[in-house]
Amino acid sequence: MSLMFGIVFFAGYIAWVLYRLVIKRDLKQHLNDFYGLTFFIGVWMLIYYFLFHKS
């Protein structure tokens, strides 16, 4: 369940970036949001990796 939430959240992030980049063309005005969300996604990817990685 939580892995599915991560995938959906990441897909929403990609959709937001593409919307700002292609449709609105104002991603440069939202760079603080972009960097913050990128950092947040990166941290969650590390958490998911360590939680679900089977060695």
PDB file of N, CA and C in Angstrom:
ATOM      1  N   MET A   1       0.816  -1.189   0.000  1.00  0.00           N
ATOM      2  CA  MET A   1       0.000   0.000   0.000  1.00  0.00           C
ATOM      3  C   MET A   1       0.860   1.253   0.000  1.00  0.00           C
ATOM      4  N   SER A   2       1.870   1.318   0.881  1.00  0.00           N
ATOM      5  CA  SER A   2       2.689   2.523   0.959  1.00  0.00           C
ATOM      6  C   SER A   2       3.563   2.692  -0.278  1.00  0.00           C
ATOM      7  N   LEU A   3       3.972   1.578  -0.891  1.00  0.00           N
ATOM      8  CA  LEU A   3       4.755   1.678  -2.122  1.00  0.00           C
ATOM      9  C   LEU A   3       3.901   2.235  -3.248  1.00  0.00           C
ATOM     10  N   MET A   4       2.634   1.866  -3.289  1.00  0.00           N
ATOM     11  CA  MET A   4       1.724   2.399  -4.299  1.00  0.00           C
ATOM     12  C   MET A   4       1.534   3.900  -4.105  1.00  0.00           C
ATOM     13  N   PHE A   5       1.442   4.348  -2.841  1.00  0.00           N
ATOM     14  CA  PHE A   5       1.337   5.769  -2.564  1.00  0.00           C
ATOM     15  C   PHE A   5       2.563   6.512  -3.077  1.00  0.00           C
ATOM     16  N   GLY A   6       3.729   5.935  -2.905  1.00  0.00           N
ATOM     17  CA  GLY A   6       4.961   6.555  -3.390  1.00  0.00           C
ATOM     18  C   GLY A   6       4.978   6.684  -4.896  1.00  0.00           C
ATOM     19  N   ILE A   7       4.508   5.656  -5.586  1.00  0.00           N
ATOM     20  CA  ILE A   7       4.453   5.696  -7.046  1.00  0.00           C
ATOM     21  C   ILE A   7       3.463   6.750  -7.517  1.00  0.00           C
ATOM     22  N   VAL A   8       2.300   6.820  -6.882  1.00  0.00           N
ATOM     23  CA  VAL A   8       1.282   7.816  -7.245  1.00  0.00           C
ATOM     24  C   VAL A   8       1.802   9.222  -6.952  1.00  0.00           C
ATOM     25  N   PHE A   9       2.450   9.420  -5.822  1.00  0.00           N
ATOM     26  CA  PHE A   9       3.003  10.720  -5.474  1.00  0.00           C
ATOM     27  C   PHE A   9       4.062  11.152  -6.481  1.00  0.00           C
ATOM     28  N   PHE A  10       4.927  10.230  -6.881  1.00  0.00           N
ATOM     29  CA  PHE A  10       5.972  10.530  -7.860  1.00  0.00           C
ATOM     30  C   PHE A  10       5.361  10.865  -9.218  1.00  0.00           C
ATOM     31  N   ALA A  11       4.320  10.143  -9.624  1.00  0.00           N
ATOM     32  CA  ALA A  11       3.637  10.434 -10.883  1.00  0.00           C
ATOM     33  C   ALA A  11       2.992  11.819 -10.841  1.00  0.00           C
ATOM     34  N   GLY A  12       2.420  12.184  -9.701  1.00  0.00           N
ATOM     35  CA  GLY A  12       1.855  13.522  -9.543  1.00  0.00           C
ATOM     36  C   GLY A  12       2.924  14.597  -9.630  1.00  0.00           C
ATOM     37  N   TYR A  13       4.090  14.324  -9.071  1.00  0.00           N
ATOM     38  CA  TYR A  13       5.208  15.264  -9.150  1.00  0.00           C
ATOM     39  C   TYR A  13       5.648  15.463 -10.600  1.00  0.00           C
ATOM     40  N   ILE A  14       5.787  14.378 -11.333  1.00  0.00           N
ATOM     41  CA  ILE A  14       6.172  14.459 -12.750  1.00  0.00           C
ATOM     42  C   ILE A  14       5.110  15.236 -13.530  1.00  0.00           C
ATOM     43  N   ALA A  15       3.842  14.974 -13.238  1.00  0.00           N
ATOM     44  CA  ALA A  15       2.766  15.699 -13.913  1.00  0.00           C
ATOM     45  C   ALA A  15       2.846  17.190 -13.604  1.00  0.00           C
ATOM     46  N   TRP A  16       3.132  17.560 -12.352  1.00  0.00           N
ATOM     47  CA  TRP A  16       3.245  18.970 -11.978  1.00  0.00           C
ATOM     48  C   TRP A  16       4.398  19.633 -12.725  1.00  0.00           C
ATOM     49  N   VAL A  17       5.549  18.950 -12.777  1.00  0.00           N
ATOM     50  CA  VAL A  17       6.709  19.508 -13.477  1.00  0.00           C
ATOM     51  C   VAL A  17       6.401  19.685 -14.964  1.00  0.00           C
ATOM     52  N   LEU A  18       5.806  18.685 -15.586  1.00  0.00           N
ATOM     53  CA  LEU A  18       5.470  18.804 -17.008  1.00  0.00           C
ATOM     54  C   LEU A  18       4.438  19.899 -17.251  1.00  0.00           C
ATOM     55  N   TYR A  19       3.466  20.045 -16.359  1.00  0.00           N
ATOM     56  CA  TYR A  19       2.462  21.099 -16.484  1.00  0.00           C
ATOM     57  C   TYR A  19       3.120  22.474 -16.420  1.00  0.00           C
ATOM     58  N   ARG A  20       4.006  22.658 -15.439  1.00  0.00           N
ATOM     59  CA  ARG A  20       4.691  23.941 -15.303  1.00  0.00           C
ATOM     60  C   ARG A  20       5.669  24.182 -16.442  1.00  0.00           C
ATOM     61  N   LEU A  21       6.275  23.133 -16.969  1.00  0.00           N
ATOM     62  CA  LEU A  21       7.288  23.274 -18.009  1.00  0.00           C
ATOM     63  C   LEU A  21       6.674  23.468 -19.389  1.00  0.00           C
ATOM     64  N   VAL A  22       5.627  22.715 -19.711  1.00  0.00           N
ATOM     65  CA  VAL A  22       5.083  22.708 -21.067  1.00  0.00           C
ATOM     66  C   VAL A  22       3.868  23.625 -21.213  1.00  0.00           C
ATOM     67  N   ILE A  23       2.919  23.539 -20.296  1.00  0.00           N
ATOM     68  CA  ILE A  23       1.658  24.267 -20.471  1.00  0.00           C
ATOM     69  C   ILE A  23       1.775  25.696 -19.940  1.00  0.00           C
ATOM     70  N   LYS A  24       2.161  25.861 -18.696  1.00  0.00           N
ATOM     71  CA  LYS A  24       2.228  27.199 -18.100  1.00  0.00           C
ATOM     72  C   LYS A  24       3.506  27.948 -18.491  1.00  0.00           C
ATOM     73  N   ARG A  25       4.570  27.215 -18.763  1.00  0.00           N
ATOM     74  CA  ARG A  25       5.886  27.768 -19.114  1.00  0.00           C
ATOM     75  C   ARG A  25       6.392  28.764 -18.068  1.00  0.00           C
ATOM     76  N   ASP A  26       6.189  28.436 -16.795  1.00  0.00           N
ATOM     77  CA  ASP A  26       6.669  29.311 -15.726  1.00  0.00           C
ATOM     78  C   ASP A  26       7.417  28.539 -14.637  1.00  0.00           C
ATOM     79  N   LEU A  27       8.096  27.491 -15.039  1.00  0.00           N
ATOM     80  CA  LEU A  27       8.830  26.692 -14.052  1.00  0.00           C
ATOM     81  C   LEU A  27       9.940  27.515 -13.397  1.00  0.00           C
ATOM     82  N   LYS A  28      10.541  28.447 -14.131  1.00  0.00           N
ATOM     83  CA  LYS A  28      11.601  29.273 -13.556  1.00  0.00           C
ATOM     84  C   LYS A  28      11.082  30.133 -12.409  1.00  0.00           C
ATOM     85  N   GLN A  29       9.811  30.491 -12.443  1.00  0.00           N
ATOM     86  CA  GLN A  29       9.234  31.278 -11.362  1.00  0.00           C
ATOM     87  C   GLN A  29       8.924  30.412 -10.143  1.00  0.00           C
ATOM     88  N   HIS A  30       8.912  29.098 -10.322  1.00  0.00           N
ATOM     89  CA  HIS A  30       8.582  28.164  -9.239  1.00  0.00           C
ATOM     90  C   HIS A  30       9.767  27.245  -8.920  1.00  0.00           C
ATOM     91  N   LEU A  31      10.977  27.765  -9.062  1.00  0.00           N
ATOM     92  CA  LEU A  31      12.149  26.932  -8.798  1.00  0.00           C
ATOM     93  C   LEU A  31      12.253  26.530  -7.330  1.00  0.00           C
ATOM     94  N   ASN A  32      11.835  27.386  -6.404  1.00  0.00           N
ATOM     95  CA  ASN A  32      11.872  27.006  -4.981  1.00  0.00           C
ATOM     96  C   ASN A  32      10.958  25.809  -4.730  1.00  0.00           C
ATOM     97  N   ASP A  33       9.773  25.806  -5.321  1.00  0.00           N
ATOM     98  CA  ASP A  33       8.875  24.653  -5.198  1.00  0.00           C
ATOM     99  C   ASP A  33       9.497  23.417  -5.824  1.00  0.00           C
ATOM    100  N   PHE A  34      10.086  23.604  -6.998  1.00  0.00           N
ATOM    101  CA  PHE A  34      10.714  22.486  -7.716  1.00  0.00           C
ATOM    102  C   PHE A  34      11.837  21.867  -6.892  1.00  0.00           C
ATOM    103  N   TYR A  35      12.721  22.710  -6.354  1.00  0.00           N
ATOM    104  CA  TYR A  35      13.837  22.186  -5.554  1.00  0.00           C
ATOM    105  C   TYR A  35      13.348  21.539  -4.261  1.00  0.00           C
ATOM    106  N   GLY A  36      12.373  22.154  -3.624  1.00  0.00           N
ATOM    107  CA  GLY A  36      11.838  21.580  -2.396  1.00  0.00           C
ATOM    108  C   GLY A  36      11.184  20.230  -2.625  1.00  0.00           C
ATOM    109  N   LEU A  37      10.361  20.146  -3.671  1.00  0.00           N
ATOM    110  CA  LEU A  37       9.709  18.872  -3.978  1.00  0.00           C
ATOM    111  C   LEU A  37      10.717  17.814  -4.424  1.00  0.00           C
ATOM    112  N   THR A  38      11.735  18.231  -5.170  1.00  0.00           N
ATOM    113  CA  THR A  38      12.766  17.285  -5.599  1.00  0.00           C
ATOM    114  C   THR A  38      13.516  16.725  -4.404  1.00  0.00           C
ATOM    115  N   PHE A  39      13.849  17.583  -3.445  1.00  0.00           N
ATOM    116  CA  PHE A  39      14.514  17.117  -2.232  1.00  0.00           C
ATOM    117  C   PHE A  39      13.616  16.165  -1.447  1.00  0.00           C
ATOM    118  N   PHE A  40      12.345  16.538  -1.297  1.00  0.00           N
ATOM    119  CA  PHE A  40      11.384  15.712  -0.578  1.00  0.00           C
ATOM    120  C   PHE A  40      11.234  14.337  -1.235  1.00  0.00           C
ATOM    121  N   ILE A  41      11.108  14.320  -2.558  1.00  0.00           N
ATOM    122  CA  ILE A  41      10.975  13.047  -3.283  1.00  0.00           C
ATOM    123  C   ILE A  41      12.248  12.215  -3.124  1.00  0.00           C
ATOM    124  N   GLY A  42      13.396  12.865  -3.195  1.00  0.00           N
ATOM    125  CA  GLY A  42      14.663  12.141  -3.035  1.00  0.00           C
ATOM    126  C   GLY A  42      14.783  11.475  -1.675  1.00  0.00           C
ATOM    127  N   VAL A  43      14.377  12.198  -0.626  1.00  0.00           N
ATOM    128  CA  VAL A  43      14.424  11.632   0.721  1.00  0.00           C
ATOM    129  C   VAL A  43      13.470  10.447   0.829  1.00  0.00           C
ATOM    130  N   TRP A  44      12.261  10.583   0.291  1.00  0.00           N
ATOM    131  CA  TRP A  44      11.311   9.474   0.353  1.00  0.00           C
ATOM    132  C   TRP A  44      11.788   8.279  -0.467  1.00  0.00           C
ATOM    133  N   MET A  45      12.459   8.523  -1.588  1.00  0.00           N
ATOM    134  CA  MET A  45      12.999   7.408  -2.371  1.00  0.00           C
ATOM    135  C   MET A  45      14.054   6.647  -1.564  1.00  0.00           C
ATOM    136  N   LEU A  46      14.885   7.376  -0.828  1.00  0.00           N
ATOM    137  CA  LEU A  46      15.867   6.712   0.038  1.00  0.00           C
ATOM    138  C   LEU A  46      15.191   5.911   1.143  1.00  0.00           C
ATOM    139  N   ILE A  47      14.161   6.491   1.738  1.00  0.00           N
ATOM    140  CA  ILE A  47      13.433   5.782   2.797  1.00  0.00           C
ATOM    141  C   ILE A  47      12.802   4.511   2.247  1.00  0.00           C
ATOM    142  N   TYR A  48      12.119   4.616   1.096  1.00  0.00           N
ATOM    143  CA  TYR A  48      11.519   3.428   0.486  1.00  0.00           C
ATOM    144  C   TYR A  48      12.569   2.389   0.131  1.00  0.00           C
ATOM    145  N   TYR A  49      13.716   2.844  -0.362  1.00  0.00           N
ATOM    146  CA  TYR A  49      14.777   1.907  -0.721  1.00  0.00           C
ATOM    147  C   TYR A  49      15.237   1.121   0.505  1.00  0.00           C
ATOM    148  N   PHE A  50      15.489   1.818   1.598  1.00  0.00           N
ATOM    149  CA  PHE A  50      15.979   1.135   2.795  1.00  0.00           C
ATOM    150  C   PHE A  50      14.894   0.292   3.465  1.00  0.00           C
ATOM    151  N   LEU A  51      13.641   0.682   3.342  1.00  0.00           N
ATOM    152  CA  LEU A  51      12.567  -0.106   3.936  1.00  0.00           C
ATOM    153  C   LEU A  51      12.255  -1.360   3.137  1.00  0.00           C
ATOM    154  N   PHE A  52      12.277  -1.267   1.823  1.00  0.00           N
ATOM    155  CA  PHE A  52      11.834  -2.369   0.985  1.00  0.00           C
ATOM    156  C   PHE A  52      12.955  -3.122   0.285  1.00  0.00           C
ATOM    157  N   HIS A  53      14.197  -2.703   0.492  1.00  0.00           N
ATOM    158  CA  HIS A  53      15.322  -3.402  -0.126  1.00  0.00           C
ATOM    159  C   HIS A  53      15.568  -4.719   0.601  1.00  0.00           C
ATOM    160  N   LYS A  54      15.569  -5.778  -0.155  1.00  0.00           N
ATOM    161  CA  LYS A  54      15.813  -7.098   0.437  1.00  0.00           C
ATOM    162  C   LYS A  54      17.208  -7.558   0.039  1.00  0.00           C
ATOM    163  N   SER A  55      18.061  -7.750   1.016  1.00  0.00           N
ATOM    164  CA  SER A  55      19.423  -8.167   0.715  1.00  0.00           C
ATOM    165  C   SER A  55      19.643  -9.634   1.008  1.00  0.00           C
TER     166      SER A  55
END
